[in-house]
C-alpha cells in the first residue's frame, strides 16, 4: 500500500512538471503572447513546483547550460530515483 501511495504521489508530481514544461513553450511571462487562462495556469504550476525545482536550479547554475533550463528534467529524474529507493526499502 505504501509503495502504491509513493508511486501515485511521484507520478502526479511528474505529470505536473511535464505540464509546466509543455506550457512553457506557449507562455512567455515577459510578453502577453498567450491567453490569460494559460498564463494563470502556468503561473500556478510554477509557484507550486518552484520549491521542487529550486535545488536543481542551484546545481545547474554552476554549470553553463546556455539558454536551456534543465531543472524540470533534473527534478523528474530525482523524483524517479527517490521513488525507486523508497519502493525498494519497503
PDB file of N, CA and C in Angstrom:
ATOM      1  N   UNK A   1       0.823  -1.200   0.000  1.00  0.00           N
ATOM      2  CA  UNK A   1       0.000   0.000   0.000  1.00  0.00           C
ATOM      3  C   UNK A   1       0.861   1.256   0.000  1.00  0.00           C
ATOM      4  N   UNK A   2       1.934   1.231   0.806  1.00  0.00           N
ATOM      5  CA  UNK A   2       2.812   2.399   0.865  1.00  0.00           C
ATOM      6  C   UNK A   2       3.505   2.642  -0.469  1.00  0.00           C
ATOM      7  N   UNK A   3       3.902   1.543  -1.144  1.00  0.00           N
ATOM      8  CA  UNK A   3       4.564   1.702  -2.433  1.00  0.00           C
ATOM      9  C   UNK A   3       3.609   2.280  -3.478  1.00  0.00           C
ATOM     10  N   UNK A   4       2.337   1.913  -3.399  1.00  0.00           N
ATOM     11  CA  UNK A   4       1.348   2.485  -4.311  1.00  0.00           C
ATOM     12  C   UNK A   4       1.181   3.981  -4.065  1.00  0.00           C
ATOM     13  N   UNK A   5       1.116   4.381  -2.804  1.00  0.00           N
ATOM     14  CA  UNK A   5       0.963   5.803  -2.468  1.00  0.00           C
ATOM     15  C   UNK A   5       2.174   6.610  -2.920  1.00  0.00           C
ATOM     16  N   UNK A   6       3.363   6.068  -2.702  1.00  0.00           N
ATOM     17  CA  UNK A   6       4.587   6.758  -3.128  1.00  0.00           C
ATOM     18  C   UNK A   6       4.601   6.905  -4.642  1.00  0.00           C
ATOM     19  N   UNK A   7       4.277   5.827  -5.350  1.00  0.00           N
ATOM     20  CA  UNK A   7       4.245   5.885  -6.817  1.00  0.00           C
ATOM     21  C   UNK A   7       3.203   6.878  -7.313  1.00  0.00           C
ATOM     22  N   UNK A   8       2.045   6.893  -6.676  1.00  0.00           N
ATOM     23  CA  UNK A   8       0.991   7.816  -7.089  1.00  0.00           C
ATOM     24  C   UNK A   8       1.419   9.272  -6.895  1.00  0.00           C
ATOM     25  N   UNK A   9       1.985   9.583  -5.757  1.00  0.00           N
ATOM     26  CA  UNK A   9       2.418  10.959  -5.480  1.00  0.00           C
ATOM     27  C   UNK A   9       3.519  11.383  -6.442  1.00  0.00           C
ATOM     28  N   UNK A  10       4.492  10.511  -6.650  1.00  0.00           N
ATOM     29  CA  UNK A  10       5.593  10.848  -7.568  1.00  0.00           C
ATOM     30  C   UNK A  10       5.073  11.004  -8.994  1.00  0.00           C
ATOM     31  N   UNK A  11       4.168  10.130  -9.411  1.00  0.00           N
ATOM     32  CA  UNK A  11       3.612  10.243 -10.763  1.00  0.00           C
ATOM     33  C   UNK A  11       2.831  11.537 -10.943  1.00  0.00           C
ATOM     34  N   UNK A  12       2.057  11.923  -9.960  1.00  0.00           N
ATOM     35  CA  UNK A  12       1.320  13.187 -10.042  1.00  0.00           C
ATOM     36  C   UNK A  12       2.287  14.361 -10.140  1.00  0.00           C
ATOM     37  N   UNK A  13       3.327  14.354  -9.315  1.00  0.00           N
ATOM     38  CA  UNK A  13       4.318  15.440  -9.369  1.00  0.00           C
ATOM     39  C   UNK A  13       5.023  15.476 -10.725  1.00  0.00           C
ATOM     40  N   UNK A  14       5.342  14.307 -11.271  1.00  0.00           N
ATOM     41  CA  UNK A  14       5.999  14.281 -12.583  1.00  0.00           C
ATOM     42  C   UNK A  14       5.092  14.830 -13.668  1.00  0.00           C
ATOM     43  N   UNK A  15       3.802  14.483 -13.630  1.00  0.00           N
ATOM     44  CA  UNK A  15       2.880  14.994 -14.641  1.00  0.00           C
ATOM     45  C   UNK A  15       2.687  16.508 -14.511  1.00  0.00           C
ATOM     46  N   UNK A  16       2.718  17.003 -13.295  1.00  0.00           N
ATOM     47  CA  UNK A  16       2.631  18.455 -13.099  1.00  0.00           C
ATOM     48  C   UNK A  16       3.861  19.135 -13.688  1.00  0.00           C
ATOM     49  N   UNK A  17       5.040  18.551 -13.465  1.00  0.00           N
ATOM     50  CA  UNK A  17       6.268  19.117 -14.028  1.00  0.00           C
ATOM     51  C   UNK A  17       6.264  19.055 -15.551  1.00  0.00           C
ATOM     52  N   UNK A  18       5.760  17.955 -16.109  1.00  0.00           N
ATOM     53  CA  UNK A  18       5.681  17.830 -17.566  1.00  0.00           C
ATOM     54  C   UNK A  18       4.690  18.845 -18.134  1.00  0.00           C
ATOM     55  N   UNK A  19       3.561  19.032 -17.467  1.00  0.00           N
ATOM     56  CA  UNK A  19       2.586  20.026 -17.922  1.00  0.00           C
ATOM     57  C   UNK A  19       3.187  21.424 -17.887  1.00  0.00           C
ATOM     58  N   UNK A  20       3.953  21.721 -16.843  1.00  0.00           N
ATOM     59  CA  UNK A  20       4.592  23.031 -16.769  1.00  0.00           C
ATOM     60  C   UNK A  20       5.596  23.209 -17.903  1.00  0.00           C
ATOM     61  N   UNK A  21       6.354  22.165 -18.206  1.00  0.00           N
ATOM     62  CA  UNK A  21       7.332  22.248 -19.295  1.00  0.00           C
ATOM     63  C   UNK A  21       6.643  22.483 -20.633  1.00  0.00           C
ATOM     64  N   UNK A  22       5.545  21.783 -20.879  1.00  0.00           N
ATOM     65  CA  UNK A  22       4.829  21.963 -22.141  1.00  0.00           C
ATOM     66  C   UNK A  22       4.203  23.351 -22.207  1.00  0.00           C
ATOM     67  N   UNK A  23       3.616  23.810 -21.114  1.00  0.00           N
ATOM     68  CA  UNK A  23       3.026  25.157 -21.114  1.00  0.00           C
ATOM     69  C   UNK A  23       4.081  26.235 -21.309  1.00  0.00           C
ATOM     70  N   UNK A  24       5.309  25.980 -20.873  1.00  0.00           N
ATOM     71  CA  UNK A  24       6.352  26.992 -21.019  1.00  0.00           C
ATOM     72  C   UNK A  24       6.683  27.250 -22.484  1.00  0.00           C
ATOM     73  N   UNK A  25       6.336  26.325 -23.374  1.00  0.00           N
ATOM     74  CA  UNK A  25       6.553  26.554 -24.794  1.00  0.00           C
ATOM     75  C   UNK A  25       5.585  27.584 -25.351  1.00  0.00           C
ATOM     76  N   UNK A  26       4.430  27.718 -24.722  1.00  0.00           N
ATOM     77  CA  UNK A  26       3.378  28.586 -25.244  1.00  0.00           C
ATOM     78  C   UNK A  26       3.214  29.895 -24.470  1.00  0.00           C
ATOM     79  N   UNK A  27       3.726  29.927 -23.255  1.00  0.00           N
ATOM     80  CA  UNK A  27       3.549  31.092 -22.398  1.00  0.00           C
ATOM     81  C   UNK A  27       4.893  31.787 -22.237  1.00  0.00           C
ATOM     82  N   UNK A  28       4.907  33.051 -22.565  1.00  0.00           N
ATOM     83  CA  UNK A  28       6.082  33.868 -22.307  1.00  0.00           C
ATOM     84  C   UNK A  28       5.671  34.891 -21.250  1.00  0.00           C
ATOM     85  N   UNK A  29       6.188  34.748 -20.022  1.00  0.00           N
ATOM     86  CA  UNK A  29       5.723  35.646 -18.965  1.00  0.00           C
ATOM     87  C   UNK A  29       6.115  37.107 -19.193  1.00  0.00           C
ATOM     88  N   UNK A  30       7.056  37.348 -20.087  1.00  0.00           N
ATOM     89  CA  UNK A  30       7.514  38.715 -20.331  1.00  0.00           C
ATOM     90  C   UNK A  30       6.734  39.390 -21.452  1.00  0.00           C
ATOM     91  N   UNK A  31       6.054  38.591 -22.256  1.00  0.00           N
ATOM     92  CA  UNK A  31       5.177  39.127 -23.293  1.00  0.00           C
ATOM     93  C   UNK A  31       3.806  38.523 -23.090  1.00  0.00           C
ATOM     94  N   UNK A  32       2.803  39.219 -23.387  1.00  0.00           N
ATOM     95  CA  UNK A  32       1.446  38.695 -23.237  1.00  0.00           C
ATOM     96  C   UNK A  32       1.033  37.876 -24.436  1.00  0.00           C
ATOM     97  N   UNK A  33       1.863  36.890 -24.824  1.00  0.00           N
ATOM     98  CA  UNK A  33       1.627  36.168 -26.070  1.00  0.00           C
ATOM     99  C   UNK A  33       0.565  35.073 -25.943  1.00  0.00           C
ATOM    100  N   UNK A  34       0.298  34.587 -24.768  1.00  0.00           N
ATOM    101  CA  UNK A  34      -0.681  33.507 -24.600  1.00  0.00           C
ATOM    102  C   UNK A  34      -1.955  34.059 -23.968  1.00  0.00           C
ATOM    103  N   UNK A  35      -2.949  33.218 -23.958  1.00  0.00           N
ATOM    104  CA  UNK A  35      -4.205  33.648 -23.355  1.00  0.00           C
ATOM    105  C   UNK A  35      -4.029  33.811 -21.846  1.00  0.00           C
ATOM    106  N   UNK A  36      -4.923  34.551 -21.277  1.00  0.00           N
ATOM    107  CA  UNK A  36      -4.860  34.817 -19.839  1.00  0.00           C
ATOM    108  C   UNK A  36      -5.033  33.537 -19.026  1.00  0.00           C
ATOM    109  N   UNK A  37      -5.858  32.615 -19.512  1.00  0.00           N
ATOM    110  CA  UNK A  37      -6.085  31.346 -18.801  1.00  0.00           C
ATOM    111  C   UNK A  37      -4.815  30.502 -18.780  1.00  0.00           C
ATOM    112  N   UNK A  38      -4.145  30.394 -19.936  1.00  0.00           N
ATOM    113  CA  UNK A  38      -2.899  29.627 -19.985  1.00  0.00           C
ATOM    114  C   UNK A  38      -1.831  30.248 -19.094  1.00  0.00           C
ATOM    115  N   UNK A  39      -1.756  31.563 -19.105  1.00  0.00           N
ATOM    116  CA  UNK A  39      -0.773  32.243 -18.285  1.00  0.00           C
ATOM    117  C   UNK A  39      -1.039  32.014 -16.804  1.00  0.00           C
ATOM    118  N   UNK A  40      -2.299  32.055 -16.406  1.00  0.00           N
ATOM    119  CA  UNK A  40      -2.608  31.836 -14.990  1.00  0.00           C
ATOM    120  C   UNK A  40      -2.356  30.387 -14.584  1.00  0.00           C
ATOM    121  N   UNK A  41      -2.646  29.428 -15.473  1.00  0.00           N
ATOM    122  CA  UNK A  41      -2.345  28.025 -15.177  1.00  0.00           C
ATOM    123  C   UNK A  41      -0.838  27.833 -15.045  1.00  0.00           C
ATOM    124  N   UNK A  42      -0.084  28.414 -15.970  1.00  0.00           N
ATOM    125  CA  UNK A  42       1.374  28.306 -15.923  1.00  0.00           C
ATOM    126  C   UNK A  42       1.935  28.928 -14.643  1.00  0.00           C
ATOM    127  N   UNK A  43       1.432  30.082 -14.281  1.00  0.00           N
ATOM    128  CA  UNK A  43       1.908  30.736 -13.056  1.00  0.00           C
ATOM    129  C   UNK A  43       1.564  29.913 -11.813  1.00  0.00           C
ATOM    130  N   UNK A  44       0.391  29.306 -11.790  1.00  0.00           N
ATOM    131  CA  UNK A  44       0.022  28.450 -10.663  1.00  0.00           C
ATOM    132  C   UNK A  44       0.911  27.223 -10.563  1.00  0.00           C
ATOM    133  N   UNK A  45       1.175  26.585 -11.712  1.00  0.00           N
ATOM    134  CA  UNK A  45       2.067  25.426 -11.704  1.00  0.00           C
ATOM    135  C   UNK A  45       3.482  25.821 -11.305  1.00  0.00           C
ATOM    136  N   UNK A  46       3.927  26.959 -11.791  1.00  0.00           N
ATOM    137  CA  UNK A  46       5.278  27.413 -11.458  1.00  0.00           C
ATOM    138  C   UNK A  46       5.425  27.692  -9.971  1.00  0.00           C
ATOM    139  N   UNK A  47       4.428  28.305  -9.379  1.00  0.00           N
ATOM    140  CA  UNK A  47       4.529  28.584  -7.941  1.00  0.00           C
ATOM    141  C   UNK A  47       4.452  27.302  -7.123  1.00  0.00           C
ATOM    142  N   UNK A  48       3.742  26.292  -7.632  1.00  0.00           N
ATOM    143  CA  UNK A  48       3.656  25.006  -6.939  1.00  0.00           C
ATOM    144  C   UNK A  48       4.954  24.212  -7.056  1.00  0.00           C
ATOM    145  N   UNK A  49       5.583  24.240  -8.234  1.00  0.00           N
ATOM    146  CA  UNK A  49       6.769  23.422  -8.472  1.00  0.00           C
ATOM    147  C   UNK A  49       8.072  24.121  -8.125  1.00  0.00           C
ATOM    148  N   UNK A  50       8.020  25.406  -7.845  1.00  0.00           N
ATOM    149  CA  UNK A  50       9.266  26.123  -7.557  1.00  0.00           C
ATOM    150  C   UNK A  50      10.052  25.518  -6.396  1.00  0.00           C
ATOM    151  N   UNK A  51       9.421  25.136  -5.276  1.00  0.00           N
ATOM    152  CA  UNK A  51      10.209  24.514  -4.203  1.00  0.00           C
ATOM    153  C   UNK A  51      10.862  23.192  -4.620  1.00  0.00           C
ATOM    154  N   UNK A  52      10.252  22.485  -5.564  1.00  0.00           N
ATOM    155  CA  UNK A  52      10.849  21.235  -6.047  1.00  0.00           C
ATOM    156  C   UNK A  52      12.032  21.482  -6.972  1.00  0.00           C
ATOM    157  N   UNK A  53      11.928  22.509  -7.800  1.00  0.00           N
ATOM    158  CA  UNK A  53      12.964  22.745  -8.801  1.00  0.00           C
ATOM    159  C   UNK A  53      14.083  23.660  -8.316  1.00  0.00           C
ATOM    160  N   UNK A  54      13.898  24.311  -7.186  1.00  0.00           N
ATOM    161  CA  UNK A  54      14.914  25.243  -6.687  1.00  0.00           C
ATOM    162  C   UNK A  54      16.276  24.587  -6.476  1.00  0.00           C
ATOM    163  N   UNK A  55      16.364  23.381  -5.847  1.00  0.00           N
ATOM    164  CA  UNK A  55      17.695  22.760  -5.707  1.00  0.00           C
ATOM    165  C   UNK A  55      18.341  22.422  -7.052  1.00  0.00           C
ATOM    166  N   UNK A  56      17.530  21.975  -8.014  1.00  0.00           N
ATOM    167  CA  UNK A  56      18.074  21.660  -9.342  1.00  0.00           C
ATOM    168  C   UNK A  56      18.569  22.924 -10.029  1.00  0.00           C
ATOM    169  N   UNK A  57      17.857  24.030  -9.872  1.00  0.00           N
ATOM    170  CA  UNK A  57      18.303  25.291 -10.465  1.00  0.00           C
ATOM    171  C   UNK A  57      19.614  25.760  -9.842  1.00  0.00           C
ATOM    172  N   UNK A  58      19.772  25.517  -8.524  1.00  0.00           N
ATOM    173  CA  UNK A  58      21.012  25.906  -7.854  1.00  0.00           C
ATOM    174  C   UNK A  58      22.189  25.084  -8.375  1.00  0.00           C
ATOM    175  N   UNK A  59      21.961  23.798  -8.593  1.00  0.00           N
ATOM    176  CA  UNK A  59      23.026  22.940  -9.123  1.00  0.00           C
ATOM    177  C   UNK A  59      23.353  23.332 -10.557  1.00  0.00           C
ATOM    178  N   UNK A  60      22.339  23.545 -11.362  1.00  0.00           N
ATOM    179  CA  UNK A  60      22.556  23.862 -12.770  1.00  0.00           C
ATOM    180  C   UNK A  60      23.094  25.274 -12.980  1.00  0.00           C
ATOM    181  N   UNK A  61      22.963  26.140 -11.986  1.00  0.00           N
ATOM    182  CA  UNK A  61      23.507  27.492 -12.113  1.00  0.00           C
ATOM    183  C   UNK A  61      25.034  27.455 -12.157  1.00  0.00           C
ATOM    184  N   UNK A  62      25.608  26.420 -11.571  1.00  0.00           N
ATOM    185  CA  UNK A  62      27.061  26.282 -11.572  1.00  0.00           C
ATOM    186  C   UNK A  62      27.580  25.716 -12.887  1.00  0.00           C
ATOM    187  N   UNK A  63      26.682  25.134 -13.672  1.00  0.00           N
ATOM    188  CA  UNK A  63      27.029  24.561 -14.976  1.00  0.00           C
ATOM    189  C   UNK A  63      26.430  25.468 -16.044  1.00  0.00           C
ATOM    190  N   UNK A  64      27.211  25.797 -17.036  1.00  0.00           N
ATOM    191  CA  UNK A  64      26.718  26.663 -18.099  1.00  0.00           C
ATOM    192  C   UNK A  64      25.876  25.840 -19.070  1.00  0.00           C
ATOM    193  N   UNK A  65      24.562  25.935 -18.948  1.00  0.00           N
ATOM    194  CA  UNK A  65      23.658  25.212 -19.843  1.00  0.00           C
ATOM    195  C   UNK A  65      23.108  26.123 -20.941  1.00  0.00           C
ATOM    196  N   UNK A  66      23.574  27.325 -20.991  1.00  0.00           N
ATOM    197  CA  UNK A  66      23.100  28.253 -22.001  1.00  0.00           C
ATOM    198  C   UNK A  66      21.675  28.688 -21.718  1.00  0.00           C
ATOM    199  N   UNK A  67      20.898  28.912 -22.761  1.00  0.00           N
ATOM    200  CA  UNK A  67      19.525  29.390 -22.536  1.00  0.00           C
ATOM    201  C   UNK A  67      18.548  28.284 -22.135  1.00  0.00           C
ATOM    202  N   UNK A  68      19.012  27.043 -22.115  1.00  0.00           N
ATOM    203  CA  UNK A  68      18.120  25.922 -21.781  1.00  0.00           C
ATOM    204  C   UNK A  68      18.022  25.756 -20.271  1.00  0.00           C
ATOM    205  N   UNK A  69      16.806  25.479 -19.801  1.00  0.00           N
ATOM    206  CA  UNK A  69      16.561  25.238 -18.387  1.00  0.00           C
ATOM    207  C   UNK A  69      16.261  23.754 -18.199  1.00  0.00           C
ATOM    208  N   UNK A  70      17.232  23.032 -17.670  1.00  0.00           N
ATOM    209  CA  UNK A  70      17.080  21.597 -17.471  1.00  0.00           C
ATOM    210  C   UNK A  70      16.637  21.254 -16.050  1.00  0.00           C
ATOM    211  N   UNK A  71      16.208  22.228 -15.284  1.00  0.00           N
ATOM    212  CA  UNK A  71      15.848  21.972 -13.888  1.00  0.00           C
ATOM    213  C   UNK A  71      14.627  21.063 -13.775  1.00  0.00           C
ATOM    214  N   UNK A  72      13.665  21.186 -14.681  1.00  0.00           N
ATOM    215  CA  UNK A  72      12.494  20.309 -14.631  1.00  0.00           C
ATOM    216  C   UNK A  72      12.884  18.864 -14.925  1.00  0.00           C
ATOM    217  N   UNK A  73      13.756  18.673 -15.906  1.00  0.00           N
ATOM    218  CA  UNK A  73      14.221  17.331 -16.235  1.00  0.00           C
ATOM    219  C   UNK A  73      15.000  16.722 -15.078  1.00  0.00           C
ATOM    220  N   UNK A  74      15.881  17.500 -14.487  1.00  0.00           N
ATOM    221  CA  UNK A  74      16.663  17.020 -13.358  1.00  0.00           C
ATOM    222  C   UNK A  74      15.759  16.687 -12.171  1.00  0.00           C
ATOM    223  N   UNK A  75      14.732  17.470 -11.954  1.00  0.00           N
ATOM    224  CA  UNK A  75      13.791  17.215 -10.867  1.00  0.00           C
ATOM    225  C   UNK A  75      12.999  15.934 -11.116  1.00  0.00           C
ATOM    226  N   UNK A  76      12.566  15.701 -12.354  1.00  0.00           N
ATOM    227  CA  UNK A  76      11.846  14.469 -12.684  1.00  0.00           C
ATOM    228  C   UNK A  76      12.752  13.259 -12.461  1.00  0.00           C
ATOM    229  N   UNK A  77      14.000  13.342 -12.896  1.00  0.00           N
ATOM    230  CA  UNK A  77      14.936  12.234 -12.678  1.00  0.00           C
ATOM    231  C   UNK A  77      15.160  11.988 -11.194  1.00  0.00           C
ATOM    232  N   UNK A  78      15.250  13.046 -10.405  1.00  0.00           N
ATOM    233  CA  UNK A  78      15.421  12.909  -8.965  1.00  0.00           C
ATOM    234  C   UNK A  78      14.188  12.266  -8.318  1.00  0.00           C
ATOM    235  N   UNK A  79      13.003  12.647  -8.770  1.00  0.00           N
ATOM    236  CA  UNK A  79      11.775  12.048  -8.241  1.00  0.00           C
ATOM    237  C   UNK A  79      11.708  10.557  -8.554  1.00  0.00           C
ATOM    238  N   UNK A  80      12.127  10.181  -9.762  1.00  0.00           N
ATOM    239  CA  UNK A  80      12.149   8.763 -10.121  1.00  0.00           C
ATOM    240  C   UNK A  80      13.127   8.009  -9.222  1.00  0.00           C
ATOM    241  N   UNK A  81      14.284   8.600  -8.981  1.00  0.00           N
ATOM    242  CA  UNK A  81      15.284   7.979  -8.110  1.00  0.00           C
ATOM    243  C   UNK A  81      14.742   7.806  -6.694  1.00  0.00           C
ATOM    244  N   UNK A  82      14.112   8.846  -6.171  1.00  0.00           N
ATOM    245  CA  UNK A  82      13.542   8.775  -4.824  1.00  0.00           C
ATOM    246  C   UNK A  82      12.447   7.706  -4.744  1.00  0.00           C
ATOM    247  N   UNK A  83      11.603   7.657  -5.772  1.00  0.00           N
ATOM    248  CA  UNK A  83      10.536   6.647  -5.801  1.00  0.00           C
ATOM    249  C   UNK A  83      11.113   5.240  -5.774  1.00  0.00           C
ATOM    250  N   UNK A  84      12.135   4.993  -6.591  1.00  0.00           N
ATOM    251  CA  UNK A  84      12.717   3.653  -6.639  1.00  0.00           C
ATOM    252  C   UNK A  84      13.401   3.285  -5.315  1.00  0.00           C
ATOM    253  N   UNK A  85      14.065   4.237  -4.704  1.00  0.00           N
ATOM    254  CA  UNK A  85      14.715   3.976  -3.419  1.00  0.00           C
ATOM    255  C   UNK A  85      13.675   3.653  -2.355  1.00  0.00           C
ATOM    256  N   UNK A  86      12.619   4.444  -2.278  1.00  0.00           N
ATOM    257  CA  UNK A  86      11.589   4.206  -1.267  1.00  0.00           C
ATOM    258  C   UNK A  86      10.870   2.882  -1.477  1.00  0.00           C
ATOM    259  N   UNK A  87      10.603   2.542  -2.721  1.00  0.00           N
ATOM    260  CA  UNK A  87       9.897   1.297  -3.002  1.00  0.00           C
ATOM    261  C   UNK A  87      10.780   0.093  -2.654  1.00  0.00           C
ATOM    262  N   UNK A  88      12.063   0.183  -2.936  1.00  0.00           N
ATOM    263  CA  UNK A  88      12.961  -0.932  -2.630  1.00  0.00           C
ATOM    264  C   UNK A  88      13.216  -1.088  -1.139  1.00  0.00           C
ATOM    265  N   UNK A  89      13.095  -0.004  -0.386  1.00  0.00           N
ATOM    266  CA  UNK A  89      13.289  -0.083   1.051  1.00  0.00           C
ATOM    267  C   UNK A  89      12.123  -0.760   1.758  1.00  0.00           C
ATOM    268  N   UNK A  90      10.989  -0.763   1.125  1.00  0.00           N
ATOM    269  CA  UNK A  90       9.781  -1.317   1.760  1.00  0.00           C
ATOM    270  C   UNK A  90       9.698  -2.803   1.533  1.00  0.00           C
TER     271      UNK A  90
END
